[in-house]
Amino acid sequence: MRKHYFVEARWDPDAKVWYSASDIPGFVIEAATLAEFEALIGDLAAEMLADNVGGDAAGARVEWRASRTYELEAN
């Protein structure tokens, strides 16, 4: 099993939630806050790795970032 994975939190302005983009197979989450998003990573990443990649996820690293785009309005 690979030992380094990536999760990105992306903001959906219409739904007003953070959603995931990840290289962990089957890892799809949504959360209202970044704190909730981070907690879900901790709760679910190892399970998704075990279920969809196989093997023990112990020692695997998950790097995560948040990305949000603002559209500026003219003054």
Protein backbone atom coordinates (compact mmCIF):
# COMPACT_ATOMS: atom_id res chain seq x y z
CA MET A 1 0.00 0.00 0.00
CA ARG A 2 1.22 3.48 -0.83
CA LYS A 3 1.97 5.48 2.29
CA HIS A 4 1.12 9.06 1.23
CA TYR A 5 -2.33 10.28 0.15
CA PHE A 6 -3.89 13.62 -0.61
CA VAL A 7 -7.28 15.17 0.19
CA GLU A 8 -8.41 18.61 -0.94
CA ALA A 9 -11.39 20.45 0.56
CA ARG A 10 -13.17 22.46 -2.13
CA TRP A 11 -15.90 24.99 -1.41
CA ASP A 12 -19.27 24.69 -3.18
CA PRO A 13 -20.88 28.13 -2.90
CA ASP A 14 -24.29 26.91 -4.04
CA ALA A 15 -24.54 24.05 -1.54
CA LYS A 16 -22.49 25.94 1.07
CA VAL A 17 -20.40 22.90 1.93
CA TRP A 18 -16.82 21.75 1.67
CA TYR A 19 -16.48 18.64 -0.50
CA SER A 20 -13.54 16.35 -1.12
CA ALA A 21 -11.26 15.63 -4.04
CA SER A 22 -8.87 12.81 -3.15
CA ASP A 23 -6.60 10.08 -4.44
CA ILE A 24 -8.01 7.72 -1.78
CA PRO A 25 -10.39 5.40 -3.66
CA GLY A 26 -13.99 5.79 -2.46
CA PHE A 27 -13.22 8.75 -0.21
CA VAL A 28 -16.07 11.22 -0.69
CA ILE A 29 -17.09 13.58 2.10
CA GLU A 30 -18.96 16.85 2.61
CA ALA A 31 -18.96 19.12 5.63
CA ALA A 32 -20.28 22.55 6.60
CA THR A 33 -17.00 23.61 8.25
CA LEU A 34 -13.32 22.85 7.81
CA ALA A 35 -13.19 21.53 11.37
CA GLU A 36 -15.91 19.00 10.53
CA PHE A 37 -14.12 18.17 7.27
CA GLU A 38 -10.87 17.45 9.10
CA ALA A 39 -12.66 15.29 11.66
CA LEU A 40 -14.20 13.22 8.85
CA ILE A 41 -10.75 12.66 7.33
CA GLY A 42 -9.59 11.26 10.66
CA ASP A 43 -12.70 9.12 11.01
CA LEU A 44 -12.92 7.71 7.47
CA ALA A 45 -9.57 7.75 5.63
CA ALA A 46 -8.17 4.58 7.24
CA GLU A 47 -11.46 2.75 6.64
CA MET A 48 -11.54 3.74 2.95
CA LEU A 49 -7.92 2.70 2.49
CA ALA A 50 -8.53 -0.68 4.12
CA ASP A 51 -11.74 -1.28 2.14
CA ASN A 52 -10.60 -0.04 -1.26
CA VAL A 53 -6.81 -0.43 -1.36
CA GLY A 54 -6.32 -3.35 0.99
CA GLY A 55 -3.79 -3.91 3.69
CA ASP A 56 -3.15 -2.02 6.88
CA ALA A 57 -3.41 1.78 6.73
CA ALA A 58 -1.18 2.17 9.80
CA GLY A 59 1.65 4.56 9.06
CA ALA A 60 -0.01 6.02 5.96
CA ARG A 61 0.05 9.82 5.76
CA VAL A 62 -2.84 11.95 4.57
CA GLU A 63 -2.04 15.50 3.52
CA TRP A 64 -4.99 17.82 3.15
CA ARG A 65 -5.58 21.36 1.94
CA ALA A 66 -8.52 23.70 1.50
CA SER A 67 -9.28 25.66 -1.67
CA ARG A 68 -11.85 28.40 -2.07
CA THR A 69 -12.33 30.94 -4.85
CA TYR A 70 -13.82 34.36 -4.31
CA GLU A 71 -15.44 36.31 -7.11
CA LEU A 72 -14.81 40.00 -6.59
CA GLU A 73 -17.44 42.56 -7.41
CA ALA A 74 -16.78 46.02 -8.82
CA ASN A 75 -17.04 48.92 -6.35
